[in-house]
């Protein structure tokens, strides 16, 4: 079976159509293997087909064994960058500057997608010239993902939100604000984090954010106490 048959006129494109029909905007090699027989594609040609479909622009390779349908696929809704970002690691949540912007706590849109994951998670990395261009991030599908790894016990404070047709895990507003206090460099800067607290002030869940801070670390809890005092929160409510 030639590359031409695999990609342009035969089972290759049928596999793409099948994936789109099943709603698999993002899929693993294993999922493609499940659908390959229905597309008339033998397992022996699957990897070759995926390779050529990627080179031809029908698929986007996200990391080893993980792909997304490209914007070129007719009738398929392309995956949102948040959907792609959280598919790259498990567990994963959109976080920091990206979450800050999603929650309407900053008007500054980040150039990267920030993702919270754990130190036990294998995250995709790039090397060489690409690594320098990405500046610590992972370039994929026309965007750059920046992974921030924390200890497993500190991966909490997340919620599910609808982004287009997908439910995506993202840090909730209170956790996002705390991440800004502990790592302001990933949220613009400290001044931007303070502004975000002002924006959220009337809707801030004090009990939740204080509880989160105590679970994280003493330094973050101390910074939170200072910020809340500056906002006029009574000290008795912070004890």
C-alpha atoms as a PDB file:
ATOM      1  CA  UNK A   1       0.000   0.000   0.000  1.00  0.00           C
ATOM      2  CA  UNK A   2       1.554   3.292  -1.070  1.00  0.00           C
ATOM      3  CA  UNK A   3       1.684   6.522   0.852  1.00  0.00           C
ATOM      4  CA  UNK A   4      -0.706   8.025  -1.732  1.00  0.00           C
ATOM      5  CA  UNK A   5      -3.283   5.334  -1.019  1.00  0.00           C
ATOM      6  CA  UNK A   6      -2.764   5.557   2.733  1.00  0.00           C
ATOM      7  CA  UNK A   7      -3.316   9.266   2.964  1.00  0.00           C
ATOM      8  CA  UNK A   8      -5.212  10.732   0.048  1.00  0.00           C
ATOM      9  CA  UNK A   9      -7.524   8.170  -1.491  1.00  0.00           C
ATOM     10  CA  UNK A  10      -7.911   5.309   0.923  1.00  0.00           C
ATOM     11  CA  UNK A  11      -8.061   4.165   4.507  1.00  0.00           C
ATOM     12  CA  UNK A  12      -5.960   7.039   5.862  1.00  0.00           C
ATOM     13  CA  UNK A  13      -8.574   9.676   5.182  1.00  0.00           C
ATOM     14  CA  UNK A  14     -11.328   7.274   6.127  1.00  0.00           C
ATOM     15  CA  UNK A  15      -9.685   6.935   9.533  1.00  0.00           C
ATOM     16  CA  UNK A  16      -9.674  10.726   9.877  1.00  0.00           C
ATOM     17  CA  UNK A  17     -13.367  10.862   8.940  1.00  0.00           C
ATOM     18  CA  UNK A  18     -14.157   8.096  11.422  1.00  0.00           C
ATOM     19  CA  UNK A  19     -12.313   9.879  14.226  1.00  0.00           C
ATOM     20  CA  UNK A  20     -14.137  13.116  13.441  1.00  0.00           C
ATOM     21  CA  UNK A  21     -17.472  11.310  13.366  1.00  0.00           C
ATOM     22  CA  UNK A  22     -16.784   9.760  16.765  1.00  0.00           C
ATOM     23  CA  UNK A  23     -15.910  13.170  18.219  1.00  0.00           C
ATOM     24  CA  UNK A  24     -12.298  12.170  18.846  1.00  0.00           C
ATOM     25  CA  UNK A  25     -10.660  15.562  18.382  1.00  0.00           C
ATOM     26  CA  UNK A  26      -7.776  14.287  20.510  1.00  0.00           C
ATOM     27  CA  UNK A  27      -6.930  10.606  20.450  1.00  0.00           C
ATOM     28  CA  UNK A  28      -4.258   8.065  21.307  1.00  0.00           C
ATOM     29  CA  UNK A  29      -2.619   5.559  19.008  1.00  0.00           C
ATOM     30  CA  UNK A  30      -4.636   2.933  20.884  1.00  0.00           C
ATOM     31  CA  UNK A  31      -7.905   4.656  19.993  1.00  0.00           C
ATOM     32  CA  UNK A  32      -6.845   4.883  16.342  1.00  0.00           C
ATOM     33  CA  UNK A  33      -6.063   1.168  16.445  1.00  0.00           C
ATOM     34  CA  UNK A  34      -9.613   0.460  17.665  1.00  0.00           C
ATOM     35  CA  UNK A  35     -11.137   2.388  14.762  1.00  0.00           C
ATOM     36  CA  UNK A  36      -8.678   1.306  12.071  1.00  0.00           C
ATOM     37  CA  UNK A  37     -10.565  -1.856  10.978  1.00  0.00           C
ATOM     38  CA  UNK A  38     -13.753   0.134  10.359  1.00  0.00           C
ATOM     39  CA  UNK A  39     -11.715   2.463   8.140  1.00  0.00           C
ATOM     40  CA  UNK A  40     -10.240  -0.460   6.215  1.00  0.00           C
ATOM     41  CA  UNK A  41      -6.782   0.144   7.645  1.00  0.00           C
ATOM     42  CA  UNK A  42      -4.727  -2.818   8.830  1.00  0.00           C
ATOM     43  CA  UNK A  43      -2.777  -2.570  12.082  1.00  0.00           C
ATOM     44  CA  UNK A  44       0.460  -3.109  10.188  1.00  0.00           C
ATOM     45  CA  UNK A  45      -0.006   0.180   8.338  1.00  0.00           C
ATOM     46  CA  UNK A  46      -1.418   2.224  11.228  1.00  0.00           C
ATOM     47  CA  UNK A  47       1.762   3.923  12.411  1.00  0.00           C
ATOM     48  CA  UNK A  48       2.787   4.684   8.835  1.00  0.00           C
ATOM     49  CA  UNK A  49      -0.644   6.156   8.152  1.00  0.00           C
ATOM     50  CA  UNK A  50      -0.528   8.341  11.275  1.00  0.00           C
ATOM     51  CA  UNK A  51       2.925   9.576  10.291  1.00  0.00           C
ATOM     52  CA  UNK A  52       1.866  10.524   6.769  1.00  0.00           C
ATOM     53  CA  UNK A  53      -1.445  12.032   7.893  1.00  0.00           C
ATOM     54  CA  UNK A  54       0.539  14.245  10.255  1.00  0.00           C
ATOM     55  CA  UNK A  55       2.982  15.294   7.530  1.00  0.00           C
ATOM     56  CA  UNK A  56       0.061  16.013   5.204  1.00  0.00           C
ATOM     57  CA  UNK A  57      -1.577  18.318   7.745  1.00  0.00           C
ATOM     58  CA  UNK A  58      -4.624  16.225   8.624  1.00  0.00           C
ATOM     59  CA  UNK A  59      -3.361  15.422  12.114  1.00  0.00           C
ATOM     60  CA  UNK A  60      -1.230  17.208  14.701  1.00  0.00           C
ATOM     61  CA  UNK A  61       1.170  15.128  16.770  1.00  0.00           C
ATOM     62  CA  UNK A  62       0.923  16.322  20.367  1.00  0.00           C
ATOM     63  CA  UNK A  63       3.393  13.934  21.955  1.00  0.00           C
ATOM     64  CA  UNK A  64       4.358  10.294  21.555  1.00  0.00           C
ATOM     65  CA  UNK A  65       1.182   8.278  21.008  1.00  0.00           C
ATOM     66  CA  UNK A  66      -1.141  11.307  21.161  1.00  0.00           C
ATOM     67  CA  UNK A  67      -2.670  13.197  18.235  1.00  0.00           C
ATOM     68  CA  UNK A  68      -5.303  15.830  17.458  1.00  0.00           C
ATOM     69  CA  UNK A  69      -7.385  16.453  14.361  1.00  0.00           C
ATOM     70  CA  UNK A  70      -6.149  19.545  12.538  1.00  0.00           C
ATOM     71  CA  UNK A  71      -8.274  22.506  11.507  1.00  0.00           C
ATOM     72  CA  UNK A  72      -8.139  21.114   7.947  1.00  0.00           C
ATOM     73  CA  UNK A  73     -10.570  18.289   8.728  1.00  0.00           C
ATOM     74  CA  UNK A  74     -14.008  19.152   7.259  1.00  0.00           C
ATOM     75  CA  UNK A  75     -16.880  19.056   9.719  1.00  0.00           C
ATOM     76  CA  UNK A  76     -14.657  18.622  12.770  1.00  0.00           C
ATOM     77  CA  UNK A  77     -14.551  21.195  15.537  1.00  0.00           C
ATOM     78  CA  UNK A  78     -10.865  21.770  16.310  1.00  0.00           C
ATOM     79  CA  UNK A  79      -9.737  21.171  19.868  1.00  0.00           C
ATOM     80  CA  UNK A  80      -9.336  24.292  22.010  1.00  0.00           C
ATOM     81  CA  UNK A  81      -5.801  25.003  23.216  1.00  0.00           C
ATOM     82  CA  UNK A  82      -6.897  24.306  26.812  1.00  0.00           C
ATOM     83  CA  UNK A  83      -8.268  20.914  25.760  1.00  0.00           C
ATOM     84  CA  UNK A  84      -4.951  20.087  24.111  1.00  0.00           C
ATOM     85  CA  UNK A  85      -2.910  21.349  27.062  1.00  0.00           C
ATOM     86  CA  UNK A  86      -4.589  19.184  29.695  1.00  0.00           C
ATOM     87  CA  UNK A  87      -4.396  16.132  27.407  1.00  0.00           C
ATOM     88  CA  UNK A  88      -0.601  16.312  27.497  1.00  0.00           C
ATOM     89  CA  UNK A  89      -0.291  15.249  31.149  1.00  0.00           C
ATOM     90  CA  UNK A  90      -2.334  13.420  33.778  1.00  0.00           C
ATOM     91  CA  UNK A  91      -3.342  14.893  36.155  1.00  0.00           C
ATOM     92  CA  UNK A  92      -3.412  18.349  34.630  1.00  0.00           C
ATOM     93  CA  UNK A  93      -5.312  21.605  35.072  1.00  0.00           C
ATOM     94  CA  UNK A  94      -5.146  24.908  33.238  1.00  0.00           C
ATOM     95  CA  UNK A  95      -3.624  27.232  35.806  1.00  0.00           C
ATOM     96  CA  UNK A  96      -1.743  30.396  36.738  1.00  0.00           C
ATOM     97  CA  UNK A  97      -1.909  33.188  34.139  1.00  0.00           C
ATOM     98  CA  UNK A  98      -4.154  31.168  31.795  1.00  0.00           C
ATOM     99  CA  UNK A  99      -6.670  30.481  34.583  1.00  0.00           C
ATOM    100  CA  UNK A 100      -6.409  34.076  35.788  1.00  0.00           C
ATOM    101  CA  UNK A 101      -7.424  35.281  32.330  1.00  0.00           C
ATOM    102  CA  UNK A 102     -10.173  32.656  31.945  1.00  0.00           C
ATOM    103  CA  UNK A 103     -11.772  33.706  35.241  1.00  0.00           C
ATOM    104  CA  UNK A 104     -11.761  37.350  34.150  1.00  0.00           C
ATOM    105  CA  UNK A 105      -9.239  38.383  36.804  1.00  0.00           C
ATOM    106  CA  UNK A 106      -6.817  39.937  34.323  1.00  0.00           C
ATOM    107  CA  UNK A 107      -7.163  41.509  30.910  1.00  0.00           C
ATOM    108  CA  UNK A 108      -3.641  40.473  29.971  1.00  0.00           C
ATOM    109  CA  UNK A 109      -3.755  37.345  27.807  1.00  0.00           C
ATOM    110  CA  UNK A 110      -0.692  35.116  28.225  1.00  0.00           C
ATOM    111  CA  UNK A 111       1.284  33.925  25.221  1.00  0.00           C
ATOM    112  CA  UNK A 112       1.605  30.462  26.746  1.00  0.00           C
ATOM    113  CA  UNK A 113      -0.904  28.041  28.206  1.00  0.00           C
ATOM    114  CA  UNK A 114       0.035  27.360  31.825  1.00  0.00           C
ATOM    115  CA  UNK A 115      -0.695  23.885  33.150  1.00  0.00           C
ATOM    116  CA  UNK A 116      -0.527  22.622  36.730  1.00  0.00           C
ATOM    117  CA  UNK A 117       0.531  19.004  37.129  1.00  0.00           C
ATOM    118  CA  UNK A 118       2.472  16.900  39.626  1.00  0.00           C
ATOM    119  CA  UNK A 119       6.119  16.026  40.112  1.00  0.00           C
ATOM    120  CA  UNK A 120       5.227  12.373  39.521  1.00  0.00           C
ATOM    121  CA  UNK A 121       3.801  13.104  36.086  1.00  0.00           C
ATOM    122  CA  UNK A 122       5.822  12.671  32.915  1.00  0.00           C
ATOM    123  CA  UNK A 123       5.479  15.904  30.956  1.00  0.00           C
ATOM    124  CA  UNK A 124       6.543  16.319  27.334  1.00  0.00           C
ATOM    125  CA  UNK A 125       9.766  18.218  26.794  1.00  0.00           C
ATOM    126  CA  UNK A 126      11.664  19.593  23.852  1.00  0.00           C
ATOM    127  CA  UNK A 127      15.395  19.910  23.350  1.00  0.00           C
ATOM    128  CA  UNK A 128      17.899  21.863  21.315  1.00  0.00           C
ATOM    129  CA  UNK A 129      16.965  24.934  19.301  1.00  0.00           C
ATOM    130  CA  UNK A 130      13.229  24.381  19.848  1.00  0.00           C
ATOM    131  CA  UNK A 131      13.755  24.412  23.616  1.00  0.00           C
ATOM    132  CA  UNK A 132      15.473  27.804  23.425  1.00  0.00           C
ATOM    133  CA  UNK A 133      12.689  29.232  21.289  1.00  0.00           C
ATOM    134  CA  UNK A 134      10.019  27.891  23.646  1.00  0.00           C
ATOM    135  CA  UNK A 135      11.848  29.284  26.712  1.00  0.00           C
ATOM    136  CA  UNK A 136      11.028  26.467  29.059  1.00  0.00           C
ATOM    137  CA  UNK A 137       7.742  25.560  27.415  1.00  0.00           C
ATOM    138  CA  UNK A 138       6.593  22.798  25.103  1.00  0.00           C
ATOM    139  CA  UNK A 139       5.614  23.918  21.586  1.00  0.00           C
ATOM    140  CA  UNK A 140       2.650  22.023  20.165  1.00  0.00           C
ATOM    141  CA  UNK A 141      -0.103  22.772  17.670  1.00  0.00           C
ATOM    142  CA  UNK A 142       0.888  26.403  17.198  1.00  0.00           C
ATOM    143  CA  UNK A 143       1.016  27.202  20.917  1.00  0.00           C
ATOM    144  CA  UNK A 144       3.425  26.800  23.823  1.00  0.00           C
ATOM    145  CA  UNK A 145       2.507  24.951  27.022  1.00  0.00           C
ATOM    146  CA  UNK A 146       4.297  25.722  30.271  1.00  0.00           C
ATOM    147  CA  UNK A 147       4.034  22.954  32.867  1.00  0.00           C
ATOM    148  CA  UNK A 148       4.324  23.795  36.572  1.00  0.00           C
ATOM    149  CA  UNK A 149       4.872  20.677  38.658  1.00  0.00           C
ATOM    150  CA  UNK A 150       3.894  20.446  42.325  1.00  0.00           C
ATOM    151  CA  UNK A 151       3.874  17.640  44.861  1.00  0.00           C
ATOM    152  CA  UNK A 152       0.834  15.370  44.406  1.00  0.00           C
ATOM    153  CA  UNK A 153      -0.699  16.490  47.702  1.00  0.00           C
ATOM    154  CA  UNK A 154      -0.679  20.083  46.419  1.00  0.00           C
ATOM    155  CA  UNK A 155      -2.675  19.290  43.310  1.00  0.00           C
ATOM    156  CA  UNK A 156      -6.129  20.447  44.426  1.00  0.00           C
ATOM    157  CA  UNK A 157      -8.520  23.344  44.049  1.00  0.00           C
ATOM    158  CA  UNK A 158      -9.694  22.514  40.538  1.00  0.00           C
ATOM    159  CA  UNK A 159     -13.023  22.537  38.755  1.00  0.00           C
ATOM    160  CA  UNK A 160     -14.462  21.396  35.429  1.00  0.00           C
ATOM    161  CA  UNK A 161     -15.576  24.032  32.928  1.00  0.00           C
ATOM    162  CA  UNK A 162     -16.965  23.849  29.425  1.00  0.00           C
ATOM    163  CA  UNK A 163     -14.591  25.141  26.768  1.00  0.00           C
ATOM    164  CA  UNK A 164     -16.390  24.782  23.470  1.00  0.00           C
ATOM    165  CA  UNK A 165     -17.464  21.144  23.250  1.00  0.00           C
ATOM    166  CA  UNK A 166     -15.087  19.835  25.917  1.00  0.00           C
ATOM    167  CA  UNK A 167     -15.044  19.835  29.704  1.00  0.00           C
ATOM    168  CA  UNK A 168     -11.622  20.986  30.831  1.00  0.00           C
ATOM    169  CA  UNK A 169     -10.044  20.927  34.287  1.00  0.00           C
ATOM    170  CA  UNK A 170      -8.922  24.353  35.507  1.00  0.00           C
ATOM    171  CA  UNK A 171      -7.867  25.747  38.868  1.00  0.00           C
ATOM    172  CA  UNK A 172     -10.746  27.551  40.556  1.00  0.00           C
ATOM    173  CA  UNK A 173     -10.455  31.316  41.244  1.00  0.00           C
ATOM    174  CA  UNK A 174      -9.237  30.911  44.825  1.00  0.00           C
ATOM    175  CA  UNK A 175      -6.529  28.394  43.941  1.00  0.00           C
ATOM    176  CA  UNK A 176      -5.523  30.522  40.959  1.00  0.00           C
ATOM    177  CA  UNK A 177      -5.040  33.573  43.170  1.00  0.00           C
ATOM    178  CA  UNK A 178      -2.901  31.575  45.596  1.00  0.00           C
ATOM    179  CA  UNK A 179      -0.757  30.270  42.753  1.00  0.00           C
ATOM    180  CA  UNK A 180      -0.248  33.901  41.829  1.00  0.00           C
ATOM    181  CA  UNK A 181       0.976  34.674  45.339  1.00  0.00           C
ATOM    182  CA  UNK A 182       3.383  31.744  45.416  1.00  0.00           C
ATOM    183  CA  UNK A 183       4.606  32.089  41.802  1.00  0.00           C
ATOM    184  CA  UNK A 184       3.762  35.584  40.530  1.00  0.00           C
ATOM    185  CA  UNK A 185       6.220  35.190  37.639  1.00  0.00           C
ATOM    186  CA  UNK A 186       3.727  32.776  36.061  1.00  0.00           C
ATOM    187  CA  UNK A 187       0.840  35.225  36.431  1.00  0.00           C
ATOM    188  CA  UNK A 188       2.313  38.360  34.912  1.00  0.00           C
ATOM    189  CA  UNK A 189       3.859  39.820  38.049  1.00  0.00           C
ATOM    190  CA  UNK A 190       2.960  40.536  41.673  1.00  0.00           C
ATOM    191  CA  UNK A 191       1.200  43.787  40.786  1.00  0.00           C
ATOM    192  CA  UNK A 192      -1.060  41.894  38.378  1.00  0.00           C
ATOM    193  CA  UNK A 193      -1.863  39.346  41.102  1.00  0.00           C
ATOM    194  CA  UNK A 194      -2.809  42.124  43.534  1.00  0.00           C
ATOM    195  CA  UNK A 195      -5.064  43.600  40.860  1.00  0.00           C
ATOM    196  CA  UNK A 196      -6.692  40.178  40.422  1.00  0.00           C
ATOM    197  CA  UNK A 197      -7.464  40.076  44.159  1.00  0.00           C
ATOM    198  CA  UNK A 198      -9.164  43.465  43.842  1.00  0.00           C
ATOM    199  CA  UNK A 199     -11.256  42.240  40.908  1.00  0.00           C
ATOM    200  CA  UNK A 200     -12.332  39.137  42.835  1.00  0.00           C
ATOM    201  CA  UNK A 201     -12.818  40.889  46.205  1.00  0.00           C
ATOM    202  CA  UNK A 202     -16.632  40.940  46.254  1.00  0.00           C
ATOM    203  CA  UNK A 203     -16.914  37.274  45.230  1.00  0.00           C
ATOM    204  CA  UNK A 204     -13.895  35.875  47.064  1.00  0.00           C
ATOM    205  CA  UNK A 205     -14.664  32.749  49.091  1.00  0.00           C
ATOM    206  CA  UNK A 206     -12.679  33.557  52.229  1.00  0.00           C
ATOM    207  CA  UNK A 207     -13.152  30.203  53.899  1.00  0.00           C
ATOM    208  CA  UNK A 208     -12.017  28.362  50.796  1.00  0.00           C
ATOM    209  CA  UNK A 209      -8.970  30.472  50.028  1.00  0.00           C
ATOM    210  CA  UNK A 210      -7.764  30.413  53.637  1.00  0.00           C
ATOM    211  CA  UNK A 211      -8.207  26.641  53.767  1.00  0.00           C
ATOM    212  CA  UNK A 212      -6.289  26.239  50.522  1.00  0.00           C
ATOM    213  CA  UNK A 213      -3.466  28.462  51.761  1.00  0.00           C
ATOM    214  CA  UNK A 214      -3.061  26.437  54.937  1.00  0.00           C
ATOM    215  CA  UNK A 215      -2.818  23.259  52.833  1.00  0.00           C
ATOM    216  CA  UNK A 216      -0.116  24.764  50.620  1.00  0.00           C
ATOM    217  CA  UNK A 217       2.601  26.320  52.774  1.00  0.00           C
ATOM    218  CA  UNK A 218       3.239  28.894  55.482  1.00  0.00           C
ATOM    219  CA  UNK A 219       4.794  31.428  53.113  1.00  0.00           C
ATOM    220  CA  UNK A 220       1.730  31.512  50.869  1.00  0.00           C
ATOM    221  CA  UNK A 221      -0.591  31.718  53.888  1.00  0.00           C
ATOM    222  CA  UNK A 222       1.418  34.661  55.219  1.00  0.00           C
ATOM    223  CA  UNK A 223       1.240  36.501  51.891  1.00  0.00           C
ATOM    224  CA  UNK A 224      -2.497  35.849  51.718  1.00  0.00           C
ATOM    225  CA  UNK A 225      -2.981  37.268  55.207  1.00  0.00           C
ATOM    226  CA  UNK A 226      -1.153  40.437  54.204  1.00  0.00           C
ATOM    227  CA  UNK A 227      -3.190  40.853  51.003  1.00  0.00           C
ATOM    228  CA  UNK A 228      -6.506  40.320  52.780  1.00  0.00           C
ATOM    229  CA  UNK A 229      -5.578  42.819  55.483  1.00  0.00           C
ATOM    230  CA  UNK A 230      -4.779  45.359  52.767  1.00  0.00           C
ATOM    231  CA  UNK A 231      -8.265  44.733  51.398  1.00  0.00           C
ATOM    232  CA  UNK A 232      -9.796  45.511  54.759  1.00  0.00           C
ATOM    233  CA  UNK A 233     -10.666  41.993  55.888  1.00  0.00           C
ATOM    234  CA  UNK A 234     -10.923  41.929  59.684  1.00  0.00           C
ATOM    235  CA  UNK A 235      -8.045  40.157  61.369  1.00  0.00           C
ATOM    236  CA  UNK A 236     -10.466  38.054  63.421  1.00  0.00           C
ATOM    237  CA  UNK A 237     -11.653  36.409  60.201  1.00  0.00           C
ATOM    238  CA  UNK A 238      -8.098  35.373  59.346  1.00  0.00           C
ATOM    239  CA  UNK A 239      -7.334  33.544  62.600  1.00  0.00           C
END
